Amino acid sequence: MSLSSTKLLFFAGSARDASYNKRLARLGAEIAEANGLAATFADLGDYPMPLYDADLQALEGIPENARKFEALMKVHTGIFIACPEYNASITPLLKNTLDWVSRVRIEGEEPLAVYKTRVFALGSASPGGMGGLRGVNTVRTVLELGLNALVLPDQFAVPKAGEAFEDNGHLKNKESQENFKRLIQKLARAAHVLHG
């Protein structure tokens, strides 16, 4: 199966410079590229948006950065989100980004088209022992039930993230890094099947 037309987007639900999840998303893009897959790392800090408010949308319309991020998602067939866990749930930044993008309407497309026509995979990194998996479950609910997205059942977690990464950004645990690679390859295959 040739995956030459497959393009993967990697981003994290955090804009913090030292975010473990940004490190995970960057690593994912590097692993994809090293395995012959076109990949892009995006930083949500480059796409600031106001807190979603229907009155603000009615008054000012969709923020330009929401349109830009929707367009970025659209040129990729598979999307990996590294999900930080805030109080066992989704980060406000990630939820707000997903909400604003869900409001973008393109003439001739059905609502939520960018979510319904992509394949998503989820992962997380956390200083805690569970690796942030409780937050991932919330993100999965938002994507699957709220946005009608196809999300792979497999997910990837990095517990004790403060000591999990090498200086070069790779994971110290080579088996864990191999598991991450397998998830990325599965995402690429699923995206290829969906998009051809």
C-alpha atoms as a PDB file:
ATOM      1  CA  MET A   1       0.000   0.000   0.000  1.00  0.00           C
ATOM      2  CA  SER A   2       1.531   3.310  -1.083  1.00  0.00           C
ATOM      3  CA  LEU A   3       1.004   6.036   1.479  1.00  0.00           C
ATOM      4  CA  SER A   4       2.551   8.780  -0.669  1.00  0.00           C
ATOM      5  CA  SER A   5      -0.673  10.807  -0.692  1.00  0.00           C
ATOM      6  CA  THR A   6      -1.048  10.571   3.086  1.00  0.00           C
ATOM      7  CA  LYS A   7      -0.175  13.677   5.085  1.00  0.00           C
ATOM      8  CA  LEU A   8      -0.269  13.736   8.878  1.00  0.00           C
ATOM      9  CA  LEU A   9      -0.738  16.715  11.202  1.00  0.00           C
ATOM     10  CA  PHE A  10       0.602  16.637  14.762  1.00  0.00           C
ATOM     11  CA  PHE A  11      -0.310  19.156  17.452  1.00  0.00           C
ATOM     12  CA  ALA A  12      -0.758  19.372  21.211  1.00  0.00           C
ATOM     13  CA  GLY A  13      -3.499  20.848  23.350  1.00  0.00           C
ATOM     14  CA  SER A  14      -0.969  23.114  25.062  1.00  0.00           C
ATOM     15  CA  ALA A  15       0.870  26.251  23.994  1.00  0.00           C
ATOM     16  CA  ARG A  16       3.343  26.109  26.899  1.00  0.00           C
ATOM     17  CA  ASP A  17       6.979  26.188  25.752  1.00  0.00           C
ATOM     18  CA  ALA A  18       8.029  23.299  28.009  1.00  0.00           C
ATOM     19  CA  SER A  19       4.907  21.212  27.367  1.00  0.00           C
ATOM     20  CA  TYR A  20       5.556  17.466  27.395  1.00  0.00           C
ATOM     21  CA  ASN A  21       2.683  17.057  24.961  1.00  0.00           C
ATOM     22  CA  LYS A  22       4.283  19.451  22.495  1.00  0.00           C
ATOM     23  CA  ARG A  23       7.411  17.318  22.758  1.00  0.00           C
ATOM     24  CA  LEU A  24       5.290  14.243  22.052  1.00  0.00           C
ATOM     25  CA  ALA A  25       3.618  15.869  19.032  1.00  0.00           C
ATOM     26  CA  ARG A  26       6.994  17.013  17.658  1.00  0.00           C
ATOM     27  CA  LEU A  27       8.387  13.508  18.140  1.00  0.00           C
ATOM     28  CA  GLY A  28       5.399  12.063  16.303  1.00  0.00           C
ATOM     29  CA  ALA A  29       6.039  14.303  13.302  1.00  0.00           C
ATOM     30  CA  GLU A  30       9.732  13.290  13.325  1.00  0.00           C
ATOM     31  CA  ILE A  31       8.861   9.571  13.497  1.00  0.00           C
ATOM     32  CA  ALA A  32       6.404   9.974  10.615  1.00  0.00           C
ATOM     33  CA  GLU A  33       8.968  11.791   8.451  1.00  0.00           C
ATOM     34  CA  ALA A  34      11.652   9.200   9.295  1.00  0.00           C
ATOM     35  CA  ASN A  35       9.273   6.515   8.025  1.00  0.00           C
ATOM     36  CA  GLY A  36       8.546   8.203   4.725  1.00  0.00           C
ATOM     37  CA  LEU A  37       5.307   9.932   5.713  1.00  0.00           C
ATOM     38  CA  ALA A  38       4.687  13.609   5.035  1.00  0.00           C
ATOM     39  CA  ALA A  39       4.096  15.296   8.395  1.00  0.00           C
ATOM     40  CA  THR A  40       3.539  18.738   9.882  1.00  0.00           C
ATOM     41  CA  PHE A  41       3.941  19.873  13.487  1.00  0.00           C
ATOM     42  CA  ALA A  42       1.692  22.794  14.444  1.00  0.00           C
ATOM     43  CA  ASP A  43       1.791  24.859  17.637  1.00  0.00           C
ATOM     44  CA  LEU A  44      -1.597  26.110  18.871  1.00  0.00           C
ATOM     45  CA  GLY A  45       0.289  29.072  20.335  1.00  0.00           C
ATOM     46  CA  ASP A  46       0.591  30.309  16.754  1.00  0.00           C
ATOM     47  CA  TYR A  47      -3.226  30.333  16.411  1.00  0.00           C
ATOM     48  CA  PRO A  48      -4.561  32.366  19.355  1.00  0.00           C
ATOM     49  CA  MET A  49      -8.355  32.682  19.486  1.00  0.00           C
ATOM     50  CA  PRO A  50     -10.733  34.374  21.922  1.00  0.00           C
ATOM     51  CA  LEU A  51     -12.828  32.205  24.217  1.00  0.00           C
ATOM     52  CA  TYR A  52     -15.730  30.880  22.163  1.00  0.00           C
ATOM     53  CA  ASP A  53     -18.832  33.045  22.565  1.00  0.00           C
ATOM     54  CA  ALA A  54     -21.842  32.890  20.237  1.00  0.00           C
ATOM     55  CA  ASP A  55     -22.463  36.614  20.701  1.00  0.00           C
ATOM     56  CA  LEU A  56     -18.868  37.343  19.693  1.00  0.00           C
ATOM     57  CA  GLN A  57     -19.279  35.123  16.639  1.00  0.00           C
ATOM     58  CA  ALA A  58     -22.474  36.962  15.669  1.00  0.00           C
ATOM     59  CA  LEU A  59     -20.750  40.322  16.133  1.00  0.00           C
ATOM     60  CA  GLU A  60     -17.323  39.672  14.641  1.00  0.00           C
ATOM     61  CA  GLY A  61     -17.605  36.381  12.770  1.00  0.00           C
ATOM     62  CA  ILE A  62     -15.180  33.460  12.901  1.00  0.00           C
ATOM     63  CA  PRO A  63     -11.641  34.449  14.008  1.00  0.00           C
ATOM     64  CA  GLU A  64      -9.109  34.369  11.202  1.00  0.00           C
ATOM     65  CA  ASN A  65      -6.954  31.907  13.155  1.00  0.00           C
ATOM     66  CA  ALA A  66      -9.861  29.454  13.384  1.00  0.00           C
ATOM     67  CA  ARG A  67     -10.188  29.598   9.602  1.00  0.00           C
ATOM     68  CA  LYS A  68      -6.429  29.161   9.201  1.00  0.00           C
ATOM     69  CA  PHE A  69      -6.337  26.161  11.513  1.00  0.00           C
ATOM     70  CA  GLU A  70      -9.337  24.560   9.794  1.00  0.00           C
ATOM     71  CA  ALA A  71      -7.531  25.020   6.466  1.00  0.00           C
ATOM     72  CA  LEU A  72      -4.390  23.440   7.962  1.00  0.00           C
ATOM     73  CA  MET A  73      -6.390  20.446   9.178  1.00  0.00           C
ATOM     74  CA  LYS A  74      -7.966  20.123   5.738  1.00  0.00           C
ATOM     75  CA  VAL A  75      -4.662  19.633   3.879  1.00  0.00           C
ATOM     76  CA  HIS A  76      -3.852  16.644   6.123  1.00  0.00           C
ATOM     77  CA  THR A  77      -5.595  13.281   5.961  1.00  0.00           C
ATOM     78  CA  GLY A  78      -4.688  12.075   9.453  1.00  0.00           C
ATOM     79  CA  ILE A  79      -4.367  14.085  12.661  1.00  0.00           C
ATOM     80  CA  PHE A  80      -2.595  13.163  15.896  1.00  0.00           C
ATOM     81  CA  ILE A  81      -3.446  15.218  18.994  1.00  0.00           C
ATOM     82  CA  ALA A  82      -1.269  15.070  22.103  1.00  0.00           C
ATOM     83  CA  CYS A  83      -3.713  15.789  24.922  1.00  0.00           C
ATOM     84  CA  PRO A  84      -2.588  17.318  28.219  1.00  0.00           C
ATOM     85  CA  GLU A  85      -4.801  16.445  31.171  1.00  0.00           C
ATOM     86  CA  TYR A  86      -6.278  19.286  33.227  1.00  0.00           C
ATOM     87  CA  ASN A  87      -8.157  18.006  36.277  1.00  0.00           C
ATOM     88  CA  ALA A  88      -8.882  14.677  34.557  1.00  0.00           C
ATOM     89  CA  SER A  89     -10.261  16.438  31.474  1.00  0.00           C
ATOM     90  CA  ILE A  90      -9.516  18.355  28.256  1.00  0.00           C
ATOM     91  CA  THR A  91      -7.486  21.578  28.297  1.00  0.00           C
ATOM     92  CA  PRO A  92      -9.398  24.832  27.738  1.00  0.00           C
ATOM     93  CA  LEU A  93      -7.064  25.662  24.831  1.00  0.00           C
ATOM     94  CA  LEU A  94      -7.801  22.429  22.992  1.00  0.00           C
ATOM     95  CA  LYS A  95     -11.547  22.566  23.629  1.00  0.00           C
ATOM     96  CA  ASN A  96     -11.707  26.183  22.480  1.00  0.00           C
ATOM     97  CA  THR A  97      -9.760  25.392  19.304  1.00  0.00           C
ATOM     98  CA  LEU A  98     -11.995  22.436  18.449  1.00  0.00           C
ATOM     99  CA  ASP A  99     -15.112  24.526  19.179  1.00  0.00           C
ATOM    100  CA  TRP A 100     -14.098  27.489  16.994  1.00  0.00           C
ATOM    101  CA  VAL A 101     -13.036  25.225  14.116  1.00  0.00           C
ATOM    102  CA  SER A 102     -16.406  23.448  14.377  1.00  0.00           C
ATOM    103  CA  ARG A 103     -18.120  26.767  13.609  1.00  0.00           C
ATOM    104  CA  VAL A 104     -16.287  27.300  10.307  1.00  0.00           C
ATOM    105  CA  ARG A 105     -18.675  26.892   7.388  1.00  0.00           C
ATOM    106  CA  ILE A 106     -17.460  26.495   3.814  1.00  0.00           C
ATOM    107  CA  GLU A 107     -19.992  26.863   1.014  1.00  0.00           C
ATOM    108  CA  GLY A 108     -20.839  23.517  -0.532  1.00  0.00           C
ATOM    109  CA  GLU A 109     -19.587  21.513   2.480  1.00  0.00           C
ATOM    110  CA  GLU A 110     -21.650  19.909   5.203  1.00  0.00           C
ATOM    111  CA  PRO A 111     -21.156  21.224   8.760  1.00  0.00           C
ATOM    112  CA  LEU A 112     -18.178  19.668  10.611  1.00  0.00           C
ATOM    113  CA  ALA A 113     -16.767  18.433   7.291  1.00  0.00           C
ATOM    114  CA  VAL A 114     -13.142  18.773   8.418  1.00  0.00           C
ATOM    115  CA  TYR A 115     -13.832  16.484  11.388  1.00  0.00           C
ATOM    116  CA  LYS A 116     -15.980  13.971   9.519  1.00  0.00           C
ATOM    117  CA  THR A 117     -13.445  13.483   6.728  1.00  0.00           C
ATOM    118  CA  ARG A 118     -10.225  13.006   8.715  1.00  0.00           C
ATOM    119  CA  VAL A 119      -8.903  10.166  10.858  1.00  0.00           C
ATOM    120  CA  PHE A 120      -7.720  11.105  14.356  1.00  0.00           C
ATOM    121  CA  ALA A 121      -5.356   9.426  16.804  1.00  0.00           C
ATOM    122  CA  LEU A 122      -4.829  10.497  20.401  1.00  0.00           C
ATOM    123  CA  GLY A 123      -1.974  10.385  22.865  1.00  0.00           C
ATOM    124  CA  SER A 124      -0.796  12.083  26.011  1.00  0.00           C
ATOM    125  CA  ALA A 125       2.212  12.733  28.194  1.00  0.00           C
ATOM    126  CA  SER A 126       2.025  13.528  31.882  1.00  0.00           C
ATOM    127  CA  PRO A 127       4.296  13.654  34.934  1.00  0.00           C
ATOM    128  CA  GLY A 128       1.781  11.319  36.610  1.00  0.00           C
ATOM    129  CA  GLY A 129       1.726   7.540  36.505  1.00  0.00           C
ATOM    130  CA  MET A 130      -1.280   7.255  34.175  1.00  0.00           C
ATOM    131  CA  GLY A 131       0.267   9.364  31.441  1.00  0.00           C
ATOM    132  CA  GLY A 132      -2.731  11.672  31.067  1.00  0.00           C
ATOM    133  CA  LEU A 133      -5.159   9.020  29.837  1.00  0.00           C
ATOM    134  CA  ARG A 134      -8.127  10.461  31.736  1.00  0.00           C
ATOM    135  CA  GLY A 135      -7.855  13.621  29.675  1.00  0.00           C
ATOM    136  CA  VAL A 136      -7.637  11.605  26.465  1.00  0.00           C
ATOM    137  CA  ASN A 137     -11.009  10.024  27.219  1.00  0.00           C
ATOM    138  CA  THR A 138     -12.633  13.460  27.357  1.00  0.00           C
ATOM    139  CA  VAL A 139     -11.044  14.485  24.055  1.00  0.00           C
ATOM    140  CA  ARG A 140     -12.281  11.242  22.481  1.00  0.00           C
ATOM    141  CA  THR A 141     -15.845  12.030  23.619  1.00  0.00           C
ATOM    142  CA  VAL A 142     -15.668  15.551  22.163  1.00  0.00           C
ATOM    143  CA  LEU A 143     -14.344  14.298  18.823  1.00  0.00           C
ATOM    144  CA  GLU A 144     -16.541  11.215  18.437  1.00  0.00           C
ATOM    145  CA  LEU A 145     -19.844  12.306  19.958  1.00  0.00           C
ATOM    146  CA  GLY A 146     -19.617  16.063  19.565  1.00  0.00           C
ATOM    147  CA  LEU A 147     -17.895  16.371  16.189  1.00  0.00           C
ATOM    148  CA  ASN A 148     -18.658  13.035  14.461  1.00  0.00           C
ATOM    149  CA  ALA A 149     -14.970  12.316  13.943  1.00  0.00           C
ATOM    150  CA  LEU A 150     -13.393   8.922  13.344  1.00  0.00           C
ATOM    151  CA  VAL A 151     -10.892   8.295  16.169  1.00  0.00           C
ATOM    152  CA  LEU A 152      -8.668   5.223  16.265  1.00  0.00           C
ATOM    153  CA  PRO A 153      -9.339   3.039  19.326  1.00  0.00           C
ATOM    154  CA  ASP A 154      -5.589   2.758  19.983  1.00  0.00           C
ATOM    155  CA  GLN A 155      -4.032   5.533  22.044  1.00  0.00           C
ATOM    156  CA  PHE A 156      -0.564   6.247  23.375  1.00  0.00           C
ATOM    157  CA  ALA A 157       0.512   7.506  26.790  1.00  0.00           C
ATOM    158  CA  VAL A 158       3.824   8.615  28.273  1.00  0.00           C
ATOM    159  CA  PRO A 159       3.708   8.416  32.090  1.00  0.00           C
ATOM    160  CA  LYS A 160       6.360  10.114  34.250  1.00  0.00           C
ATOM    161  CA  ALA A 161       7.044  12.393  31.276  1.00  0.00           C
ATOM    162  CA  GLY A 162       9.553  14.514  33.194  1.00  0.00           C
ATOM    163  CA  GLU A 163      12.076  11.711  32.903  1.00  0.00           C
ATOM    164  CA  ALA A 164      10.801   9.977  29.753  1.00  0.00           C
ATOM    165  CA  PHE A 165      12.488  12.026  26.999  1.00  0.00           C
ATOM    166  CA  GLU A 166      16.069  12.002  25.765  1.00  0.00           C
ATOM    167  CA  ASP A 167      17.778  15.334  25.055  1.00  0.00           C
ATOM    168  CA  ASN A 168      17.149  14.760  21.342  1.00  0.00           C
ATOM    169  CA  GLY A 169      13.386  14.455  21.967  1.00  0.00           C
ATOM    170  CA  HIS A 170      13.174  10.680  21.561  1.00  0.00           C
ATOM    171  CA  LEU A 171      11.735   8.473  24.267  1.00  0.00           C
ATOM    172  CA  LYS A 172      14.230   6.720  26.526  1.00  0.00           C
ATOM    173  CA  ASN A 173      12.060   3.606  26.504  1.00  0.00           C
ATOM    174  CA  LYS A 174      12.640   2.169  23.025  1.00  0.00           C
ATOM    175  CA  GLU A 175       9.674  -0.213  23.250  1.00  0.00           C
ATOM    176  CA  SER A 176       7.445   2.751  24.032  1.00  0.00           C
ATOM    177  CA  GLN A 177       8.829   4.648  21.043  1.00  0.00           C
ATOM    178  CA  GLU A 178       8.153   1.598  18.835  1.00  0.00           C
ATOM    179  CA  ASN A 179       4.551   1.514  20.103  1.00  0.00           C
ATOM    180  CA  PHE A 180       4.209   5.181  19.178  1.00  0.00           C
ATOM    181  CA  LYS A 181       5.585   4.446  15.704  1.00  0.00           C
ATOM    182  CA  ARG A 182       3.044   1.655  15.248  1.00  0.00           C
ATOM    183  CA  LEU A 183       0.180   4.005  16.161  1.00  0.00           C
ATOM    184  CA  ILE A 184       1.438   6.591  13.668  1.00  0.00           C
ATOM    185  CA  GLN A 185       1.669   3.939  10.942  1.00  0.00           C
ATOM    186  CA  LYS A 186      -1.855   2.765  11.763  1.00  0.00           C
ATOM    187  CA  LEU A 187      -3.089   6.377  11.544  1.00  0.00           C
ATOM    188  CA  ALA A 188      -1.427   6.729   8.138  1.00  0.00           C
ATOM    189  CA  ARG A 189      -2.990   3.493   6.857  1.00  0.00           C
ATOM    190  CA  ALA A 190      -6.454   4.444   8.117  1.00  0.00           C
ATOM    191  CA  ALA A 191      -6.170   7.911   6.576  1.00  0.00           C
ATOM    192  CA  HIS A 192      -5.102   6.339   3.284  1.00  0.00           C
ATOM    193  CA  VAL A 193      -8.087   3.981   3.302  1.00  0.00           C
ATOM    194  CA  LEU A 194     -10.445   6.893   3.975  1.00  0.00           C
ATOM    195  CA  HIS A 195      -8.947   9.208   1.382  1.00  0.00           C
ATOM    196  CA  GLY A 196      -7.408   6.822  -1.150  1.00  0.00           C
END
